[in-house]
Amino acid sequence: MKFKIALYVLLLPVFTHAQNLRVAVAANAQFVSEALVKEFKKQTGISMQLIVGASGKFTAQIEQGAPFDVFMSADMVYPQRLYEKKLTVSAPQIYAYGTLVLWTTKLKQPLMSSLTQRSISKIAVANPKLAPYGTAAMQALKQLNLLNALQSKVVYGESIAQVNQYLLTGVADAAFTAKAVVMHGENKNIGSWTDVDSKLYKPIAQGVVILKNADKQNMKYAAMFYRFLFSRAAKHIFKAYGYK
């Protein structure tokens, strides 16, 4: 009995420290990451802090020494950039492929061509300089020759999270967002949405890396979470949120 108590005391500081595991996650993956973290804690007893934002902004912060342990990007470009600058433990791996959707509170059938209607005065798009889903949205509009016609209606959000806020608060009538967003909770019952034809934009391959700036005592737990992202349980969760 004394041995068990002593062992518990020895392990307690380690797991307490692991509570500070910091994961920078692209805004499109906020809700699926919350589900992933919940399942990961259920399996391991380890919890972590999610910091949600734009992939480009996170990359700049990491380059300046931000103390994140894991970075889940919305693309492969930003984590690859960090890898080439020797700021990651290894090369990025694709954890999921994202799906772009058109979400609106004004149209029963949200078709891309319907965005030219007068009822749609503002269209929210994530800043393509910071957010890969914003890049995908602009690619789709350009492919359909709608970009010039709709440019005056576009309002930019720093990330998918801000784009969603614009739609939900009425600032925008339509928004290009991640399928994972409209598949989450109460969002399922708000407005209507449709998948944007995947042929209209480049595949949104989303990459993950463990960062060299990671707390050394957290590195073990960062590696555990990294491996978990490629497990059968994680794949089931990604699928439930519309990722491929």
Protein backbone atom coordinates (compact mmCIF):
# COMPACT_ATOMS: atom_id res chain seq x y z
CA MET A 1 0.00 0.00 0.00
CA LYS A 2 2.85 2.35 0.88
CA PHE A 3 4.47 1.54 -2.46
CA LYS A 4 1.28 2.48 -4.35
CA ILE A 5 1.00 5.78 -2.49
CA ALA A 6 4.65 6.59 -3.16
CA LEU A 7 4.23 5.78 -6.85
CA TYR A 8 1.16 8.07 -7.07
CA VAL A 9 3.10 10.91 -5.47
CA LEU A 10 5.92 10.47 -7.97
CA LEU A 11 3.58 10.50 -10.96
CA LEU A 12 1.40 13.38 -9.81
CA PRO A 13 3.81 16.23 -10.68
CA VAL A 14 4.35 14.82 -14.18
CA PHE A 15 0.63 14.65 -15.03
CA THR A 16 0.00 17.99 -13.40
CA HIS A 17 2.66 19.52 -15.62
CA ALA A 18 1.07 17.86 -18.65
CA GLN A 19 -2.06 19.89 -18.02
CA ASN A 20 -0.13 22.76 -19.62
CA LEU A 21 0.23 21.02 -22.99
CA ARG A 22 -0.53 23.78 -25.49
CA VAL A 23 -1.97 22.97 -28.92
CA ALA A 24 -2.25 25.75 -31.52
CA VAL A 25 -5.13 24.72 -33.77
CA ALA A 26 -6.44 26.28 -36.97
CA ALA A 27 -9.91 27.75 -36.45
CA ASN A 28 -11.56 25.34 -38.88
CA ALA A 29 -10.58 22.47 -36.62
CA GLN A 30 -11.71 24.02 -33.32
CA PHE A 31 -14.78 21.86 -32.79
CA VAL A 32 -13.29 18.60 -34.00
CA SER A 33 -10.21 19.29 -31.85
CA GLU A 34 -12.41 19.73 -28.79
CA ALA A 35 -13.86 16.28 -29.48
CA LEU A 36 -10.38 14.86 -30.07
CA VAL A 37 -9.02 16.32 -26.84
CA LYS A 38 -11.97 14.90 -24.92
CA GLU A 39 -11.34 11.41 -26.30
CA PHE A 40 -7.59 11.72 -25.76
CA LYS A 41 -8.10 12.64 -22.12
CA LYS A 42 -10.51 9.73 -21.74
CA GLN A 43 -7.83 7.35 -23.01
CA THR A 44 -4.79 8.82 -21.27
CA GLY A 45 -5.93 11.09 -18.44
CA ILE A 46 -3.96 13.94 -20.04
CA SER A 47 -5.68 17.25 -20.73
CA MET A 48 -4.44 20.19 -22.75
CA GLN A 49 -5.12 23.77 -23.72
CA LEU A 50 -6.40 24.57 -27.20
CA ILE A 51 -5.46 27.95 -28.65
CA VAL A 52 -7.57 28.69 -31.74
CA GLY A 53 -6.60 31.05 -34.55
CA ALA A 54 -5.38 31.53 -38.12
CA SER A 55 -2.63 29.23 -39.38
CA GLY A 56 -0.60 32.09 -40.83
CA LYS A 57 -0.72 34.08 -37.62
CA PHE A 58 0.29 31.05 -35.56
CA THR A 59 3.23 30.45 -37.89
CA ALA A 60 4.49 33.99 -37.37
CA GLN A 61 4.12 33.61 -33.60
CA ILE A 62 5.98 30.29 -33.60
CA GLU A 63 8.80 31.82 -35.62
CA GLN A 64 9.05 34.44 -32.89
CA GLY A 65 9.27 31.78 -30.18
CA ALA A 66 5.66 31.28 -29.05
CA PRO A 67 5.58 28.41 -26.50
CA PHE A 68 3.22 26.00 -28.29
CA ASP A 69 3.81 22.25 -28.09
CA VAL A 70 1.80 21.07 -31.11
CA PHE A 71 0.59 22.96 -34.19
CA MET A 72 -2.45 21.68 -36.13
CA SER A 73 -2.51 23.80 -39.28
CA ALA A 74 -5.23 24.26 -41.90
CA ASP A 75 -2.74 23.39 -44.63
CA MET A 76 0.71 21.89 -45.24
CA VAL A 77 2.41 25.10 -46.38
CA TYR A 78 2.76 26.72 -42.97
CA PRO A 79 4.00 23.65 -41.05
CA GLN A 80 6.37 22.87 -43.92
CA ARG A 81 7.75 26.39 -43.62
CA LEU A 82 8.39 25.82 -39.92
CA TYR A 83 10.03 22.48 -40.68
CA GLU A 84 12.38 24.07 -43.22
CA LYS A 85 13.34 26.62 -40.58
CA LYS A 86 14.15 23.72 -38.24
CA LEU A 87 11.47 24.71 -35.74
CA THR A 88 9.71 21.31 -35.71
CA VAL A 89 10.73 17.87 -34.50
CA SER A 90 9.96 16.29 -37.89
CA ALA A 91 8.33 16.97 -41.25
CA PRO A 92 4.58 17.68 -41.16
CA GLN A 93 2.10 14.88 -41.69
CA ILE A 94 -1.44 15.19 -43.04
CA TYR A 95 -3.96 14.51 -40.30
CA ALA A 96 -7.07 15.24 -42.41
CA TYR A 97 -8.42 16.80 -45.61
CA GLY A 98 -10.84 19.67 -45.07
CA THR A 99 -14.05 20.44 -46.95
CA LEU A 100 -15.13 23.95 -47.91
CA VAL A 101 -18.83 24.83 -47.63
CA LEU A 102 -21.01 27.81 -48.43
CA TRP A 103 -23.16 28.71 -45.42
CA THR A 104 -26.00 31.23 -45.49
CA THR A 105 -28.94 32.47 -43.46
CA LYS A 106 -30.68 34.05 -46.46
CA LEU A 107 -31.00 31.26 -49.04
CA LYS A 108 -32.85 27.95 -48.79
CA GLN A 109 -30.58 26.50 -51.46
CA PRO A 110 -27.16 28.16 -51.13
CA LEU A 111 -25.79 27.91 -54.67
CA MET A 112 -22.61 29.72 -55.64
CA SER A 113 -24.45 31.48 -58.46
CA SER A 114 -27.01 32.78 -55.96
CA LEU A 115 -24.38 34.98 -54.31
CA THR A 116 -24.99 37.61 -56.98
CA GLN A 117 -28.57 38.14 -55.73
CA ARG A 118 -29.44 41.44 -54.02
CA SER A 119 -30.47 39.60 -50.85
CA ILE A 120 -26.80 38.76 -50.35
CA SER A 121 -25.05 42.02 -49.48
CA LYS A 122 -22.04 40.69 -47.54
CA ILE A 123 -20.06 37.48 -47.98
CA ALA A 124 -17.60 36.51 -45.25
CA VAL A 125 -14.28 34.96 -46.31
CA ALA A 126 -11.26 34.17 -44.16
CA ASN A 127 -8.23 36.29 -45.02
CA PRO A 128 -6.46 34.26 -47.75
CA LYS A 129 -3.12 35.63 -46.57
CA LEU A 130 -3.58 33.93 -43.20
CA ALA A 131 -6.22 31.22 -43.59
CA PRO A 132 -6.08 28.36 -46.15
CA TYR A 133 -9.88 28.09 -46.24
CA GLY A 134 -9.94 31.70 -47.38
CA THR A 135 -7.52 30.81 -50.16
CA ALA A 136 -9.77 27.91 -51.19
CA ALA A 137 -12.83 30.18 -51.26
CA MET A 138 -11.11 32.69 -53.52
CA GLN A 139 -9.94 29.88 -55.81
CA ALA A 140 -13.52 28.63 -56.14
CA LEU A 141 -14.91 32.08 -56.92
CA LYS A 142 -12.19 32.65 -59.49
CA GLN A 143 -12.87 29.29 -61.17
CA LEU A 144 -16.54 30.24 -61.53
CA ASN A 145 -15.67 33.72 -62.83
CA LEU A 146 -17.53 35.24 -59.88
CA LEU A 147 -14.62 36.92 -58.12
CA ASN A 148 -14.85 40.31 -59.85
CA ALA A 149 -18.64 40.45 -59.58
CA LEU A 150 -18.62 39.65 -55.87
CA GLN A 151 -15.46 41.45 -54.74
CA SER A 152 -17.40 44.45 -53.38
CA LYS A 153 -19.51 42.12 -51.21
CA VAL A 154 -16.61 40.29 -49.59
CA VAL A 155 -15.72 41.01 -45.96
CA TYR A 156 -12.60 39.38 -44.60
CA GLY A 157 -12.23 37.68 -41.26
CA GLU A 158 -8.88 36.97 -39.65
CA SER A 159 -9.81 33.30 -39.41
CA ILE A 160 -12.69 30.88 -39.95
CA ALA A 161 -13.79 31.63 -36.37
CA GLN A 162 -14.30 35.30 -37.20
CA VAL A 163 -16.04 34.39 -40.47
CA ASN A 164 -18.50 32.25 -38.52
CA GLN A 165 -19.09 35.12 -36.10
CA TYR A 166 -19.86 37.46 -38.98
CA LEU A 167 -22.56 35.11 -40.25
CA LEU A 168 -24.05 34.28 -36.84
CA THR A 169 -24.27 37.93 -35.80
CA GLY A 170 -25.77 39.07 -39.09
CA VAL A 171 -22.77 41.07 -40.29
CA ALA A 172 -22.66 38.76 -43.33
CA ASP A 173 -25.47 37.02 -45.23
CA ALA A 174 -23.27 34.19 -46.47
CA ALA A 175 -19.91 32.74 -45.53
CA PHE A 176 -17.32 30.30 -46.78
CA THR A 177 -16.40 28.08 -43.88
CA ALA A 178 -15.31 24.57 -42.95
CA LYS A 179 -17.75 21.67 -43.03
CA ALA A 180 -16.64 20.84 -39.50
CA VAL A 181 -18.28 24.08 -38.36
CA VAL A 182 -21.75 23.39 -39.78
CA MET A 183 -21.59 19.81 -38.51
CA HIS A 184 -21.15 21.00 -34.92
CA GLY A 185 -23.89 21.26 -32.30
CA GLU A 186 -26.46 24.01 -32.75
CA ASN A 187 -24.85 25.15 -36.00
CA LYS A 188 -26.58 22.25 -37.74
CA ASN A 189 -29.91 24.06 -37.32
CA ILE A 190 -28.78 27.52 -38.39
CA GLY A 191 -29.44 28.58 -41.98
CA SER A 192 -28.47 26.24 -44.80
CA TRP A 193 -25.23 25.11 -46.36
CA THR A 194 -23.80 23.16 -49.25
CA ASP A 195 -20.44 21.66 -50.14
CA VAL A 196 -18.41 23.73 -52.56
CA ASP A 197 -17.42 21.52 -55.50
CA SER A 198 -13.99 20.15 -54.55
CA LYS A 199 -12.85 20.54 -58.18
CA LEU A 200 -13.00 24.31 -57.73
CA TYR A 201 -10.19 24.52 -55.17
CA LYS A 202 -6.97 22.74 -54.35
CA PRO A 203 -7.27 19.92 -51.76
CA ILE A 204 -7.10 21.30 -48.23
CA ALA A 205 -4.50 18.97 -46.77
CA GLN A 206 -4.08 19.84 -43.11
CA GLY A 207 -0.76 19.14 -41.42
CA VAL A 208 0.43 18.70 -37.85
CA VAL A 209 3.86 19.11 -36.27
CA ILE A 210 5.44 18.89 -32.84
CA LEU A 211 7.40 22.04 -32.18
CA LYS A 212 10.95 22.28 -30.92
CA ASN A 213 9.81 25.16 -28.73
CA ALA A 214 7.69 22.63 -26.86
CA ASP A 215 8.25 22.36 -23.14
CA LYS A 216 10.80 19.56 -22.77
CA GLN A 217 8.77 17.89 -20.03
CA ASN A 218 5.71 17.99 -22.29
CA MET A 219 7.45 16.47 -25.31
CA LYS A 220 6.39 12.95 -24.33
CA TYR A 221 2.74 13.96 -24.09
CA ALA A 222 2.95 15.97 -27.30
CA ALA A 223 4.20 12.85 -29.06
CA MET A 224 1.35 10.82 -27.56
CA PHE A 225 -1.25 13.28 -28.84
CA TYR A 226 0.45 13.39 -32.23
CA ARG A 227 0.19 9.60 -32.55
CA PHE A 228 -3.40 9.70 -31.34
CA LEU A 229 -4.36 11.97 -34.26
CA PHE A 230 -3.65 9.05 -36.62
CA SER A 231 -5.46 6.43 -34.56
CA ARG A 232 -8.69 4.68 -35.51
CA ALA A 233 -10.58 6.57 -32.81
CA ALA A 234 -9.39 9.94 -34.13
CA LYS A 235 -10.22 9.04 -37.72
CA HIS A 236 -13.77 8.21 -36.64
CA ILE A 237 -14.08 11.66 -35.02
CA PHE A 238 -12.66 13.45 -38.05
CA LYS A 239 -15.14 11.66 -40.30
CA ALA A 240 -18.05 12.67 -38.06
CA TYR A 241 -17.06 16.32 -38.56
CA GLY A 242 -16.92 16.10 -42.34
CA TYR A 243 -13.17 15.68 -42.83
CA LYS A 244 -11.81 13.24 -45.38
